[in-house]
Every structure is written in C-alpha cells, then in structure tokens.
Amino acid sequence: MTLAQGATPDRGSRPVSSRTTWHGALGAVVAAAAATADTGAGALLGSGCTGCHGPAGVTAGAAIPSIAGLDKIYLARVMVQFKNDERPSTIMGRIARGYEDSELRTMAKHFGGLSWSAWKIAADGKSLDGGRPIHEKVCAECHEQEGRYQDRDTPRIAGQAPEYLFLSLLQYRDPQPGTKLPQPDKMLDALKPLSDDELRVLALYYASRE
C-alpha cells in the first residue's frame, strides 16, 4: 500500500526502535543502581546510629527517639542543626560534626525510607482521658491525627518513646540558655501553662498512639 500524495505517515503506528528500547532499559538500570548505591551508602553511614537509636532506627531506650520512617527532610535538617550547634545535645552535636552535610542527608534519606515501628506501651485510662483533651486543645492544630501526621516541619510524635517525649516537652516548655530547642513561638505559649503532671500524661498519650 502506498501513501496518497501529501499524506503524512502515522508516526504513532511506527514500531519503537531497538535503540529507543535499549536507552529506556539502560536508564531504568542506572536509576535502580543509583538507588541501591544510595541505600547502601546511607545504611553504611548510619550504622553508627543504631547503638543508640536501635537496629533499623527503632529505639529500645525510653529516652531516645526512633528515627526510622521520619520525614527525610525534617530529619536531615535536625542533624545539620546538631552539627552547627543550633540544637542542643549531649552527644549528637559531636557525632554530627564528623559528617558532611551531604552525608547527613544521605543518612536521613536512608532512615526516612525505613518502616516506622511504634513504641509498645499499653494505653491506660489516665493517659487517654487526660492526654486526649490536652492534645485536642493545645497540640492538634499542628500535630494532627493524634500526633501521627508529619511533614518537613512537623515530626511524628505518636508512638515515640514516652520518656523522650516527656523530656522534650519539658525542654520546649522551659527553655534554658544554651538548651533552647528550635520551635515556633506558639508552641512555647501553648505549653507554658501546663504542669509537669500534664506533660507526663500528654507524653504517655502520644506514646500509646501507634
């Protein structure tokens, strides 16, 4: 069959060349290899973190946060803040200063890609009855979904270790020179009226949320 004079070939019906197919396959292989290499580099760089933050970033210590499954941009920013002494710490600053910013971002991407695992704690009536109203009144505007919501600015707090949550709340409520955590002013204003007992109940409430 021949084309009529002036007719245009149907390009959509032309067979895909073997060269095009080969280029597409090569691109997929390169992308997969890069992802594997990045994951491997992140796991290697982050191997020193598991002593405190637990295997695969899931903590076993009540005063230490889990980092697996956290937003990678948030986690990278926190680590850079530790490195630059913009976030107070006992040991994290010294550890973070041993890495380049790009390496911290690689670690954050690795841990952010791991599965979240909540702290195992049974919710008692006191933490539910006392913690839920405090959450709804003071925290729910930013920490949505009972603390499960997260993005690059808001960390997941549901299912974190209870003592870690309590100590963090104390730090946020009572910032001291040299130990003030980066936070919105409205968070300080919201926590200021709460007693230690209310912060403890709130921490237990969040810890019991999976």
N, C-alpha and C. Protein backbone atom coordinates (compact mmCIF):
# COMPACT_ATOMS: atom_id res chain seq x y z
N MET A 1 0.85 -1.20 0.00
CA MET A 1 0.00 0.00 0.00
C MET A 1 0.88 1.23 0.00
N THR A 2 0.52 2.26 -0.78
CA THR A 2 1.29 3.49 -0.85
C THR A 2 0.48 4.64 -0.29
N LEU A 3 1.19 5.69 0.18
CA LEU A 3 0.54 6.88 0.72
C LEU A 3 0.10 7.77 -0.42
N ALA A 4 -1.08 8.36 -0.24
CA ALA A 4 -1.53 9.32 -1.23
C ALA A 4 -0.63 10.53 -1.20
N GLN A 5 -0.55 11.26 -2.31
CA GLN A 5 0.31 12.42 -2.39
C GLN A 5 -0.06 13.43 -1.31
N GLY A 6 0.94 13.90 -0.54
CA GLY A 6 0.72 14.91 0.50
C GLY A 6 0.30 14.31 1.83
N ALA A 7 0.06 13.00 1.86
CA ALA A 7 -0.36 12.38 3.13
C ALA A 7 0.83 12.28 4.06
N THR A 8 0.56 12.29 5.37
CA THR A 8 1.61 12.21 6.39
C THR A 8 1.59 10.84 7.02
N PRO A 9 2.74 10.20 7.15
CA PRO A 9 2.76 8.88 7.78
C PRO A 9 2.24 8.96 9.20
N ASP A 10 1.60 7.91 9.67
CA ASP A 10 1.12 7.82 11.05
C ASP A 10 2.29 7.46 11.94
N ARG A 11 2.87 8.49 12.60
CA ARG A 11 4.05 8.26 13.44
C ARG A 11 3.70 7.43 14.66
N GLY A 12 2.43 7.53 15.11
CA GLY A 12 2.06 6.76 16.30
C GLY A 12 2.08 5.27 16.05
N SER A 13 2.01 4.87 14.78
CA SER A 13 1.97 3.44 14.48
C SER A 13 3.34 2.88 14.16
N ARG A 14 4.36 3.76 14.13
CA ARG A 14 5.71 3.29 13.80
C ARG A 14 6.25 2.43 14.92
N PRO A 15 6.90 1.34 14.65
CA PRO A 15 7.47 0.49 15.70
C PRO A 15 8.57 1.23 16.46
N VAL A 16 8.64 0.98 17.74
CA VAL A 16 9.69 1.58 18.56
C VAL A 16 11.01 0.94 18.19
N SER A 17 12.01 1.76 17.93
CA SER A 17 13.31 1.22 17.51
C SER A 17 13.98 0.49 18.66
N SER A 18 14.83 -0.44 18.32
CA SER A 18 15.56 -1.19 19.35
C SER A 18 16.48 -0.26 20.13
N ARG A 19 16.95 0.82 19.46
CA ARG A 19 17.83 1.78 20.14
C ARG A 19 17.06 2.52 21.24
N THR A 20 15.80 2.92 20.93
CA THR A 20 14.98 3.61 21.93
C THR A 20 14.71 2.70 23.11
N THR A 21 14.35 1.45 22.81
CA THR A 21 14.08 0.49 23.88
C THR A 21 15.31 0.26 24.74
N TRP A 22 16.47 0.16 24.10
CA TRP A 22 17.73 -0.07 24.82
C TRP A 22 18.05 1.10 25.74
N HIS A 23 17.84 2.34 25.23
CA HIS A 23 18.11 3.53 26.05
C HIS A 23 17.19 3.57 27.27
N GLY A 24 15.91 3.21 27.06
CA GLY A 24 14.97 3.20 28.18
C GLY A 24 15.35 2.18 29.23
N ALA A 25 15.73 0.99 28.77
CA ALA A 25 16.13 -0.07 29.70
C ALA A 25 17.39 0.32 30.46
N LEU A 26 18.35 0.94 29.75
CA LEU A 26 19.59 1.36 30.38
C LEU A 26 19.31 2.41 31.45
N GLY A 27 18.40 3.36 31.13
CA GLY A 27 18.05 4.38 32.11
C GLY A 27 17.46 3.78 33.37
N ALA A 28 16.61 2.78 33.20
CA ALA A 28 15.99 2.13 34.36
C ALA A 28 17.04 1.41 35.20
N VAL A 29 17.99 0.75 34.53
CA VAL A 29 19.04 0.04 35.25
C VAL A 29 19.92 1.01 36.02
N VAL A 30 20.28 2.14 35.38
CA VAL A 30 21.13 3.13 36.03
C VAL A 30 20.41 3.73 37.25
N ALA A 31 19.11 4.03 37.07
CA ALA A 31 18.34 4.60 38.19
C ALA A 31 18.26 3.61 39.35
N ALA A 32 18.02 2.34 39.03
CA ALA A 32 17.93 1.32 40.08
C ALA A 32 19.27 1.15 40.79
N ALA A 33 20.36 1.17 40.01
CA ALA A 33 21.69 1.03 40.61
C ALA A 33 22.02 2.20 41.50
N ALA A 34 21.62 3.41 41.07
CA ALA A 34 21.87 4.60 41.88
C ALA A 34 21.10 4.54 43.18
N ALA A 35 19.83 4.08 43.11
CA ALA A 35 19.02 3.96 44.31
C ALA A 35 19.61 2.94 45.26
N THR A 36 20.10 1.81 44.70
CA THR A 36 20.71 0.78 45.54
C THR A 36 21.98 1.29 46.19
N ALA A 37 22.80 2.01 45.41
CA ALA A 37 24.05 2.56 45.95
C ALA A 37 23.77 3.57 47.04
N ASP A 38 22.74 4.41 46.83
CA ASP A 38 22.38 5.42 47.83
C ASP A 38 21.90 4.76 49.11
N THR A 39 21.08 3.70 48.97
CA THR A 39 20.60 2.98 50.14
C THR A 39 21.75 2.33 50.88
N GLY A 40 22.68 1.75 50.11
CA GLY A 40 23.83 1.12 50.74
C GLY A 40 24.71 2.11 51.45
N ALA A 41 24.93 3.28 50.84
CA ALA A 41 25.74 4.32 51.47
C ALA A 41 25.07 4.84 52.72
N GLY A 42 23.75 5.03 52.67
CA GLY A 42 23.02 5.51 53.84
C GLY A 42 23.08 4.52 54.99
N ALA A 43 22.94 3.24 54.67
CA ALA A 43 22.99 2.21 55.70
C ALA A 43 24.39 2.14 56.32
N LEU A 44 25.41 2.28 55.47
CA LEU A 44 26.78 2.23 55.97
C LEU A 44 27.08 3.44 56.85
N LEU A 45 26.73 4.63 56.38
CA LEU A 45 26.96 5.84 57.15
C LEU A 45 26.16 5.82 58.46
N GLY A 46 24.95 5.26 58.39
CA GLY A 46 24.08 5.26 59.56
C GLY A 46 24.30 4.11 60.51
N SER A 47 25.26 3.24 60.21
CA SER A 47 25.48 2.08 61.08
C SER A 47 25.89 2.49 62.50
N GLY A 48 26.55 3.64 62.61
CA GLY A 48 26.94 4.10 63.94
C GLY A 48 25.79 4.65 64.75
N CYS A 49 24.64 4.86 64.12
CA CYS A 49 23.47 5.43 64.83
C CYS A 49 22.69 4.36 65.58
N THR A 50 22.85 3.11 65.17
CA THR A 50 21.99 2.06 65.71
C THR A 50 22.31 1.71 67.16
N GLY A 51 23.51 2.08 67.62
CA GLY A 51 23.85 1.80 69.01
C GLY A 51 22.92 2.50 69.98
N CYS A 52 22.47 3.71 69.61
CA CYS A 52 21.53 4.46 70.46
C CYS A 52 20.10 4.37 69.94
N HIS A 53 19.94 4.50 68.61
CA HIS A 53 18.60 4.58 68.05
C HIS A 53 18.03 3.23 67.66
N GLY A 54 18.77 2.16 67.94
CA GLY A 54 18.25 0.82 67.74
C GLY A 54 18.46 0.29 66.34
N PRO A 55 18.41 -1.03 66.18
CA PRO A 55 18.51 -1.63 64.86
C PRO A 55 17.43 -1.07 63.93
N ALA A 56 17.84 -0.72 62.74
CA ALA A 56 16.92 -0.17 61.74
C ALA A 56 16.25 1.11 62.22
N GLY A 57 16.90 1.83 63.15
CA GLY A 57 16.38 3.12 63.58
C GLY A 57 15.22 3.06 64.54
N VAL A 58 14.93 1.90 65.10
CA VAL A 58 13.82 1.73 66.05
C VAL A 58 14.41 1.59 67.45
N THR A 59 14.15 2.57 68.30
CA THR A 59 14.80 2.62 69.60
C THR A 59 14.29 1.57 70.58
N ALA A 60 15.17 1.19 71.48
CA ALA A 60 14.78 0.33 72.60
C ALA A 60 14.91 1.08 73.92
N GLY A 61 15.36 2.34 73.85
CA GLY A 61 15.55 3.15 75.05
C GLY A 61 14.43 4.15 75.22
N ALA A 62 13.87 4.23 76.40
CA ALA A 62 12.69 5.07 76.63
C ALA A 62 12.98 6.56 76.49
N ALA A 63 14.25 6.96 76.56
CA ALA A 63 14.59 8.38 76.47
C ALA A 63 15.21 8.75 75.13
N ILE A 64 15.17 7.82 74.17
CA ILE A 64 15.80 8.04 72.86
C ILE A 64 14.75 7.88 71.77
N PRO A 65 14.69 8.79 70.80
CA PRO A 65 13.65 8.68 69.77
C PRO A 65 13.97 7.64 68.71
N SER A 66 12.91 7.06 68.15
CA SER A 66 13.06 6.28 66.93
C SER A 66 13.20 7.26 65.76
N ILE A 67 14.02 6.90 64.78
CA ILE A 67 14.21 7.77 63.62
C ILE A 67 13.79 7.11 62.32
N ALA A 68 13.50 5.81 62.36
CA ALA A 68 13.03 5.12 61.16
C ALA A 68 11.66 5.66 60.76
N GLY A 69 11.51 5.98 59.49
CA GLY A 69 10.22 6.41 58.99
C GLY A 69 9.91 7.88 59.18
N LEU A 70 10.84 8.65 59.78
CA LEU A 70 10.61 10.09 59.90
C LEU A 70 10.79 10.77 58.54
N ASP A 71 10.19 11.93 58.38
CA ASP A 71 10.34 12.68 57.14
C ASP A 71 11.83 12.97 56.90
N LYS A 72 12.32 12.63 55.71
CA LYS A 72 13.75 12.71 55.45
C LYS A 72 14.26 14.15 55.46
N ILE A 73 13.43 15.10 55.02
CA ILE A 73 13.87 16.50 55.02
C ILE A 73 13.93 17.03 56.44
N TYR A 74 12.93 16.71 57.24
CA TYR A 74 12.94 17.11 58.65
C TYR A 74 14.16 16.51 59.36
N LEU A 75 14.40 15.20 59.15
CA LEU A 75 15.49 14.52 59.85
C LEU A 75 16.84 15.08 59.44
N ALA A 76 17.02 15.37 58.15
CA ALA A 76 18.28 15.95 57.69
C ALA A 76 18.51 17.32 58.33
N ARG A 77 17.46 18.13 58.39
CA ARG A 77 17.61 19.47 58.98
C ARG A 77 17.97 19.38 60.46
N VAL A 78 17.36 18.45 61.18
CA VAL A 78 17.68 18.29 62.60
C VAL A 78 19.14 17.89 62.79
N MET A 79 19.64 16.98 61.95
CA MET A 79 21.02 16.54 62.09
C MET A 79 22.00 17.68 61.77
N VAL A 80 21.67 18.47 60.76
CA VAL A 80 22.52 19.63 60.45
C VAL A 80 22.48 20.64 61.59
N GLN A 81 21.32 20.82 62.21
CA GLN A 81 21.22 21.71 63.38
C GLN A 81 22.09 21.21 64.52
N PHE A 82 22.12 19.92 64.75
CA PHE A 82 23.01 19.36 65.77
C PHE A 82 24.47 19.68 65.42
N LYS A 83 24.80 19.47 64.17
CA LYS A 83 26.18 19.70 63.72
C LYS A 83 26.60 21.14 63.93
N ASN A 84 25.69 22.08 63.68
CA ASN A 84 26.01 23.51 63.75
C ASN A 84 25.73 24.12 65.12
N ASP A 85 25.46 23.27 66.11
CA ASP A 85 25.14 23.73 67.47
C ASP A 85 23.92 24.64 67.50
N GLU A 86 23.00 24.42 66.57
CA GLU A 86 21.74 25.16 66.56
C GLU A 86 20.65 24.42 67.32
N ARG A 87 20.95 23.20 67.72
CA ARG A 87 20.03 22.37 68.51
C ARG A 87 20.86 21.74 69.62
N PRO A 88 20.49 21.94 70.89
CA PRO A 88 21.31 21.45 71.99
C PRO A 88 21.31 19.92 72.07
N SER A 89 22.42 19.37 72.53
CA SER A 89 22.53 17.92 72.67
C SER A 89 23.67 17.59 73.62
N THR A 90 23.69 16.36 74.06
CA THR A 90 24.82 15.88 74.87
C THR A 90 25.88 15.23 74.00
N ILE A 91 25.43 14.47 72.99
CA ILE A 91 26.39 13.75 72.16
C ILE A 91 26.14 13.92 70.66
N MET A 92 24.90 14.23 70.28
CA MET A 92 24.57 14.29 68.85
C MET A 92 25.40 15.33 68.11
N GLY A 93 25.67 16.47 68.72
CA GLY A 93 26.46 17.50 68.05
C GLY A 93 27.86 17.00 67.71
N ARG A 94 28.48 16.33 68.67
CA ARG A 94 29.85 15.81 68.43
C ARG A 94 29.84 14.76 67.33
N ILE A 95 28.80 13.92 67.30
CA ILE A 95 28.72 12.89 66.26
C ILE A 95 28.48 13.53 64.89
N ALA A 96 27.52 14.45 64.83
CA ALA A 96 27.14 15.05 63.55
C ALA A 96 28.28 15.84 62.92
N ARG A 97 29.15 16.42 63.75
CA ARG A 97 30.27 17.20 63.21
C ARG A 97 31.28 16.33 62.47
N GLY A 98 31.17 15.03 62.60
CA GLY A 98 32.07 14.13 61.88
C GLY A 98 31.62 13.83 60.46
N TYR A 99 30.50 14.43 60.03
CA TYR A 99 29.96 14.14 58.70
C TYR A 99 29.78 15.42 57.90
N GLU A 100 29.86 15.29 56.58
CA GLU A 100 29.50 16.37 55.68
C GLU A 100 27.97 16.48 55.66
N ASP A 101 27.48 17.67 55.30
CA ASP A 101 26.03 17.85 55.21
C ASP A 101 25.41 16.85 54.24
N SER A 102 26.10 16.60 53.13
CA SER A 102 25.57 15.66 52.14
C SER A 102 25.47 14.25 52.71
N GLU A 103 26.40 13.87 53.59
CA GLU A 103 26.34 12.56 54.22
C GLU A 103 25.18 12.49 55.22
N LEU A 104 24.93 13.58 55.92
CA LEU A 104 23.79 13.61 56.84
C LEU A 104 22.49 13.47 56.06
N ARG A 105 22.41 14.11 54.90
CA ARG A 105 21.20 13.98 54.08
C ARG A 105 21.03 12.55 53.56
N THR A 106 22.15 11.91 53.22
CA THR A 106 22.09 10.51 52.76
C THR A 106 21.58 9.61 53.88
N MET A 107 22.07 9.83 55.10
CA MET A 107 21.59 9.05 56.24
C MET A 107 20.11 9.30 56.50
N ALA A 108 19.70 10.57 56.40
CA ALA A 108 18.30 10.91 56.63
C ALA A 108 17.40 10.22 55.61
N LYS A 109 17.85 10.19 54.37
CA LYS A 109 17.07 9.52 53.32
C LYS A 109 16.96 8.03 53.62
N HIS A 110 18.06 7.43 54.10
CA HIS A 110 18.05 6.01 54.44
C HIS A 110 17.07 5.72 55.57
N PHE A 111 17.22 6.42 56.68
CA PHE A 111 16.34 6.15 57.83
C PHE A 111 14.90 6.54 57.52
N GLY A 112 14.70 7.62 56.75
CA GLY A 112 13.34 8.01 56.39
C GLY A 112 12.63 6.98 55.53
N GLY A 113 13.40 6.17 54.81
CA GLY A 113 12.81 5.14 53.96
C GLY A 113 12.51 3.84 54.66
N LEU A 114 12.91 3.74 55.94
CA LEU A 114 12.64 2.52 56.70
C LEU A 114 11.24 2.56 57.31
N SER A 115 10.75 1.42 57.70
CA SER A 115 9.39 1.32 58.24
C SER A 115 9.32 1.86 59.66
N TRP A 116 8.26 2.61 59.93
CA TRP A 116 8.02 3.11 61.28
C TRP A 116 7.55 1.97 62.17
N SER A 117 8.02 1.96 63.41
CA SER A 117 7.57 0.98 64.40
C SER A 117 7.32 1.71 65.70
N ALA A 118 6.08 1.67 66.18
CA ALA A 118 5.70 2.44 67.36
C ALA A 118 6.22 1.79 68.64
N TRP A 119 6.46 2.63 69.65
CA TRP A 119 6.83 2.16 70.98
C TRP A 119 5.69 1.31 71.53
N LYS A 120 6.02 0.19 72.14
CA LYS A 120 5.00 -0.71 72.65
C LYS A 120 4.64 -0.32 74.07
N ILE A 121 3.49 0.32 74.22
CA ILE A 121 3.02 0.72 75.54
C ILE A 121 1.51 0.62 75.55
N ALA A 122 0.98 0.04 76.61
CA ALA A 122 -0.46 -0.08 76.73
C ALA A 122 -1.04 1.24 77.21
N ALA A 123 -2.08 1.70 76.56
CA ALA A 123 -2.72 2.95 76.96
C ALA A 123 -3.63 2.69 78.15
N ASP A 124 -3.34 3.37 79.27
CA ASP A 124 -4.24 3.23 80.41
C ASP A 124 -5.30 4.35 80.35
N GLY A 125 -6.30 4.22 81.19
CA GLY A 125 -7.39 5.18 81.17
C GLY A 125 -6.94 6.59 81.48
N LYS A 126 -5.93 6.73 82.37
CA LYS A 126 -5.48 8.06 82.76
C LYS A 126 -4.84 8.80 81.59
N SER A 127 -4.00 8.10 80.85
CA SER A 127 -3.32 8.77 79.74
C SER A 127 -4.29 9.11 78.62
N LEU A 128 -5.31 8.26 78.42
CA LEU A 128 -6.30 8.54 77.38
C LEU A 128 -7.24 9.66 77.82
N ASP A 129 -7.78 9.52 79.01
CA ASP A 129 -8.75 10.51 79.49
C ASP A 129 -8.10 11.87 79.73
N GLY A 130 -6.86 11.87 80.21
CA GLY A 130 -6.18 13.13 80.49
C GLY A 130 -5.42 13.68 79.32
N GLY A 131 -4.84 12.80 78.50
CA GLY A 131 -3.99 13.26 77.40
C GLY A 131 -4.75 13.73 76.18
N ARG A 132 -5.86 13.06 75.87
CA ARG A 132 -6.60 13.43 74.66
C ARG A 132 -7.12 14.86 74.70
N PRO A 133 -7.75 15.32 75.81
CA PRO A 133 -8.22 16.71 75.82
C PRO A 133 -7.09 17.73 75.72
N ILE A 134 -5.93 17.42 76.31
CA ILE A 134 -4.79 18.34 76.20
C ILE A 134 -4.32 18.40 74.75
N HIS A 135 -4.22 17.23 74.13
CA HIS A 135 -3.84 17.19 72.71
C HIS A 135 -4.79 18.02 71.87
N GLU A 136 -6.09 17.81 72.05
CA GLU A 136 -7.07 18.50 71.21
C GLU A 136 -7.06 20.01 71.44
N LYS A 137 -6.80 20.43 72.67
CA LYS A 137 -6.82 21.85 72.99
C LYS A 137 -5.52 22.55 72.61
N VAL A 138 -4.40 21.87 72.83
CA VAL A 138 -3.09 22.54 72.75
C VAL A 138 -2.28 22.16 71.50
N CYS A 139 -2.39 20.92 71.07
CA CYS A 139 -1.43 20.40 70.08
C CYS A 139 -2.01 20.03 68.72
N ALA A 140 -3.31 19.77 68.65
CA ALA A 140 -3.89 19.15 67.46
C ALA A 140 -3.80 20.02 66.21
N GLU A 141 -3.69 21.32 66.37
CA GLU A 141 -3.63 22.20 65.20
C GLU A 141 -2.43 21.87 64.31
N CYS A 142 -1.31 21.55 64.92
CA CYS A 142 -0.09 21.20 64.16
C CYS A 142 0.15 19.70 64.12
N HIS A 143 -0.02 19.04 65.27
CA HIS A 143 0.24 17.59 65.38
C HIS A 143 -1.06 16.84 65.15
N GLU A 144 -1.47 16.81 63.89
CA GLU A 144 -2.75 16.22 63.54
C GLU A 144 -2.72 14.70 63.67
N GLN A 145 -3.91 14.09 63.56
CA GLN A 145 -4.06 12.63 63.57
C GLN A 145 -3.44 12.02 64.83
N GLU A 146 -3.72 12.67 65.96
CA GLU A 146 -3.21 12.19 67.26
C GLU A 146 -1.68 12.10 67.27
N GLY A 147 -1.04 13.01 66.55
CA GLY A 147 0.42 13.03 66.52
C GLY A 147 1.05 12.18 65.44
N ARG A 148 0.23 11.53 64.62
CA ARG A 148 0.78 10.67 63.56
C ARG A 148 1.23 11.48 62.34
N TYR A 149 0.62 12.63 62.12
CA TYR A 149 0.93 13.44 60.94
C TYR A 149 2.38 13.94 61.01
N GLN A 150 3.03 13.96 59.85
CA GLN A 150 4.37 14.54 59.78
C GLN A 150 4.60 15.14 58.40
N ASP A 151 5.48 16.14 58.37
CA ASP A 151 5.97 16.70 57.13
C ASP A 151 7.37 17.25 57.40
N ARG A 152 7.89 18.06 56.50
CA ARG A 152 9.27 18.54 56.64
C ARG A 152 9.46 19.47 57.84
N ASP A 153 8.36 19.98 58.39
CA ASP A 153 8.45 20.90 59.52
C ASP A 153 7.89 20.31 60.82
N THR A 154 7.10 19.28 60.71
CA THR A 154 6.41 18.71 61.87
C THR A 154 6.77 17.23 62.00
N PRO A 155 7.43 16.84 63.09
CA PRO A 155 7.79 15.43 63.24
C PRO A 155 6.62 14.59 63.73
N ARG A 156 6.65 13.34 63.40
CA ARG A 156 5.72 12.39 64.01
C ARG A 156 6.08 12.24 65.47
N ILE A 157 5.08 12.33 66.35
CA ILE A 157 5.33 12.12 67.78
C ILE A 157 4.53 10.94 68.31
N ALA A 158 3.49 10.52 67.61
CA ALA A 158 2.72 9.36 68.03
C ALA A 158 3.60 8.12 67.97
N GLY A 159 3.62 7.35 69.06
CA GLY A 159 4.39 6.11 69.08
C GLY A 159 5.85 6.27 69.43
N GLN A 160 6.28 7.51 69.74
CA GLN A 160 7.65 7.70 70.21
C GLN A 160 7.77 7.24 71.66
N ALA A 161 9.01 7.09 72.12
CA ALA A 161 9.26 6.61 73.48
C ALA A 161 8.75 7.63 74.51
N PRO A 162 8.10 7.18 75.56
CA PRO A 162 7.44 8.11 76.49
C PRO A 162 8.39 9.05 77.24
N GLU A 163 9.52 8.55 77.69
CA GLU A 163 10.43 9.40 78.44
C GLU A 163 11.06 10.44 77.53
N TYR A 164 11.35 10.05 76.31
CA TYR A 164 11.86 11.02 75.32
C TYR A 164 10.84 12.14 75.11
N LEU A 165 9.57 11.77 74.95
CA LEU A 165 8.54 12.78 74.74
C LEU A 165 8.43 13.71 75.94
N PHE A 166 8.44 13.15 77.12
CA PHE A 166 8.31 13.96 78.33
C PHE A 166 9.48 14.93 78.48
N LEU A 167 10.70 14.44 78.31
CA LEU A 167 11.87 15.30 78.43
C LEU A 167 11.88 16.38 77.36
N SER A 168 11.43 16.04 76.15
CA SER A 168 11.37 17.04 75.07
C SER A 168 10.34 18.11 75.39
N LEU A 169 9.19 17.71 75.92
CA LEU A 169 8.16 18.67 76.29
C LEU A 169 8.66 19.62 77.38
N LEU A 170 9.42 19.08 78.34
CA LEU A 170 10.00 19.93 79.38
C LEU A 170 10.95 20.95 78.78
N GLN A 171 11.78 20.48 77.83
CA GLN A 171 12.72 21.39 77.18
C GLN A 171 12.02 22.48 76.39
N TYR A 172 10.95 22.09 75.71
CA TYR A 172 10.20 23.08 74.94
C TYR A 172 9.48 24.07 75.86
N ARG A 173 8.97 23.59 76.98
CA ARG A 173 8.23 24.47 77.89
C ARG A 173 9.15 25.40 78.67
N ASP A 174 10.32 24.87 79.09
CA ASP A 174 11.23 25.62 79.96
C ASP A 174 12.59 25.79 79.31
N PRO A 175 12.67 26.53 78.20
CA PRO A 175 13.96 26.68 77.52
C PRO A 175 14.96 27.40 78.41
N GLN A 176 16.16 26.84 78.49
CA GLN A 176 17.24 27.41 79.28
C GLN A 176 18.34 27.93 78.35
N PRO A 177 19.10 28.90 78.80
CA PRO A 177 20.21 29.38 77.95
C PRO A 177 21.12 28.22 77.53
N GLY A 178 21.33 28.10 76.26
CA GLY A 178 22.19 27.04 75.74
C GLY A 178 21.48 25.73 75.50
N THR A 179 20.22 25.61 75.91
CA THR A 179 19.49 24.36 75.70
C THR A 179 18.14 24.58 75.01
N LYS A 180 17.91 25.77 74.48
CA LYS A 180 16.63 26.06 73.84
C LYS A 180 16.52 25.32 72.51
N LEU A 181 15.42 24.62 72.34
CA LEU A 181 15.17 23.89 71.10
C LEU A 181 14.51 24.80 70.08
N PRO A 182 14.83 24.62 68.79
CA PRO A 182 14.13 25.40 67.76
C PRO A 182 12.64 25.04 67.79
N GLN A 183 11.79 26.05 67.89
CA GLN A 183 10.36 25.80 67.95
C GLN A 183 9.59 27.07 67.60
N PRO A 184 8.36 26.92 67.10
CA PRO A 184 7.52 28.11 66.88
C PRO A 184 7.16 28.74 68.22
N ASP A 185 7.01 30.04 68.23
CA ASP A 185 6.64 30.72 69.47
C ASP A 185 5.32 30.21 70.03
N LYS A 186 4.40 29.84 69.14
CA LYS A 186 3.10 29.40 69.64
C LYS A 186 3.19 28.07 70.38
N MET A 187 4.23 27.29 70.11
CA MET A 187 4.40 26.04 70.85
C MET A 187 4.81 26.34 72.29
N LEU A 188 5.74 27.27 72.46
CA LEU A 188 6.13 27.68 73.80
C LEU A 188 4.94 28.27 74.55
N ASP A 189 4.17 29.12 73.88
CA ASP A 189 3.00 29.73 74.51
C ASP A 189 1.97 28.68 74.92
N ALA A 190 1.81 27.64 74.09
CA ALA A 190 0.82 26.60 74.37
C ALA A 190 1.23 25.72 75.55
N LEU A 191 2.53 25.44 75.66
CA LEU A 191 3.00 24.53 76.71
C LEU A 191 3.22 25.22 78.05
N LYS A 192 3.43 26.51 78.02
CA LYS A 192 3.80 27.23 79.25
C LYS A 192 2.82 27.01 80.40
N PRO A 193 1.50 26.99 80.16
CA PRO A 193 0.57 26.82 81.28
C PRO A 193 0.48 25.39 81.82
N LEU A 194 1.06 24.42 81.14
CA LEU A 194 0.90 23.02 81.53
C LEU A 194 1.86 22.63 82.64
N SER A 195 1.37 21.84 83.58
CA SER A 195 2.19 21.36 84.69
C SER A 195 3.02 20.16 84.25
N ASP A 196 3.97 19.77 85.09
CA ASP A 196 4.76 18.57 84.80
C ASP A 196 3.86 17.35 84.67
N ASP A 197 2.88 17.23 85.57
CA ASP A 197 1.97 16.08 85.52
C ASP A 197 1.19 16.05 84.21
N GLU A 198 0.76 17.21 83.73
CA GLU A 198 0.03 17.26 82.47
C GLU A 198 0.94 16.90 81.30
N LEU A 199 2.18 17.33 81.34
CA LEU A 199 3.13 16.96 80.29
C LEU A 199 3.39 15.45 80.32
N ARG A 200 3.47 14.88 81.50
CA ARG A 200 3.69 13.44 81.62
C ARG A 200 2.52 12.67 81.02
N VAL A 201 1.31 13.09 81.34
CA VAL A 201 0.12 12.44 80.80
C VAL A 201 0.07 12.59 79.28
N LEU A 202 0.41 13.78 78.80
CA LEU A 202 0.43 14.02 77.35
C LEU A 202 1.46 13.13 76.66
N ALA A 203 2.63 12.99 77.27
CA ALA A 203 3.67 12.13 76.69
C ALA A 203 3.20 10.68 76.62
N LEU A 204 2.56 10.19 77.68
CA LEU A 204 2.06 8.82 77.68
C LEU A 204 0.97 8.64 76.64
N TYR A 205 0.16 9.65 76.48
CA TYR A 205 -0.91 9.59 75.46
C TYR A 205 -0.30 9.40 74.07
N TYR A 206 0.67 10.22 73.71
CA TYR A 206 1.29 10.12 72.40
C TYR A 206 2.05 8.80 72.24
N ALA A 207 2.73 8.39 73.30
CA ALA A 207 3.49 7.14 73.22
C ALA A 207 2.59 5.94 72.95
N SER A 208 1.35 6.01 73.40
CA SER A 208 0.43 4.89 73.23
C SER A 208 -0.26 4.88 71.86
N ARG A 209 -0.06 5.95 71.08
CA ARG A 209 -0.66 6.01 69.74
C ARG A 209 0.24 5.29 68.74
N GLU A 210 -0.26 4.34 68.02
CA GLU A 210 0.56 3.59 67.05
C GLU A 210 0.54 4.29 65.70
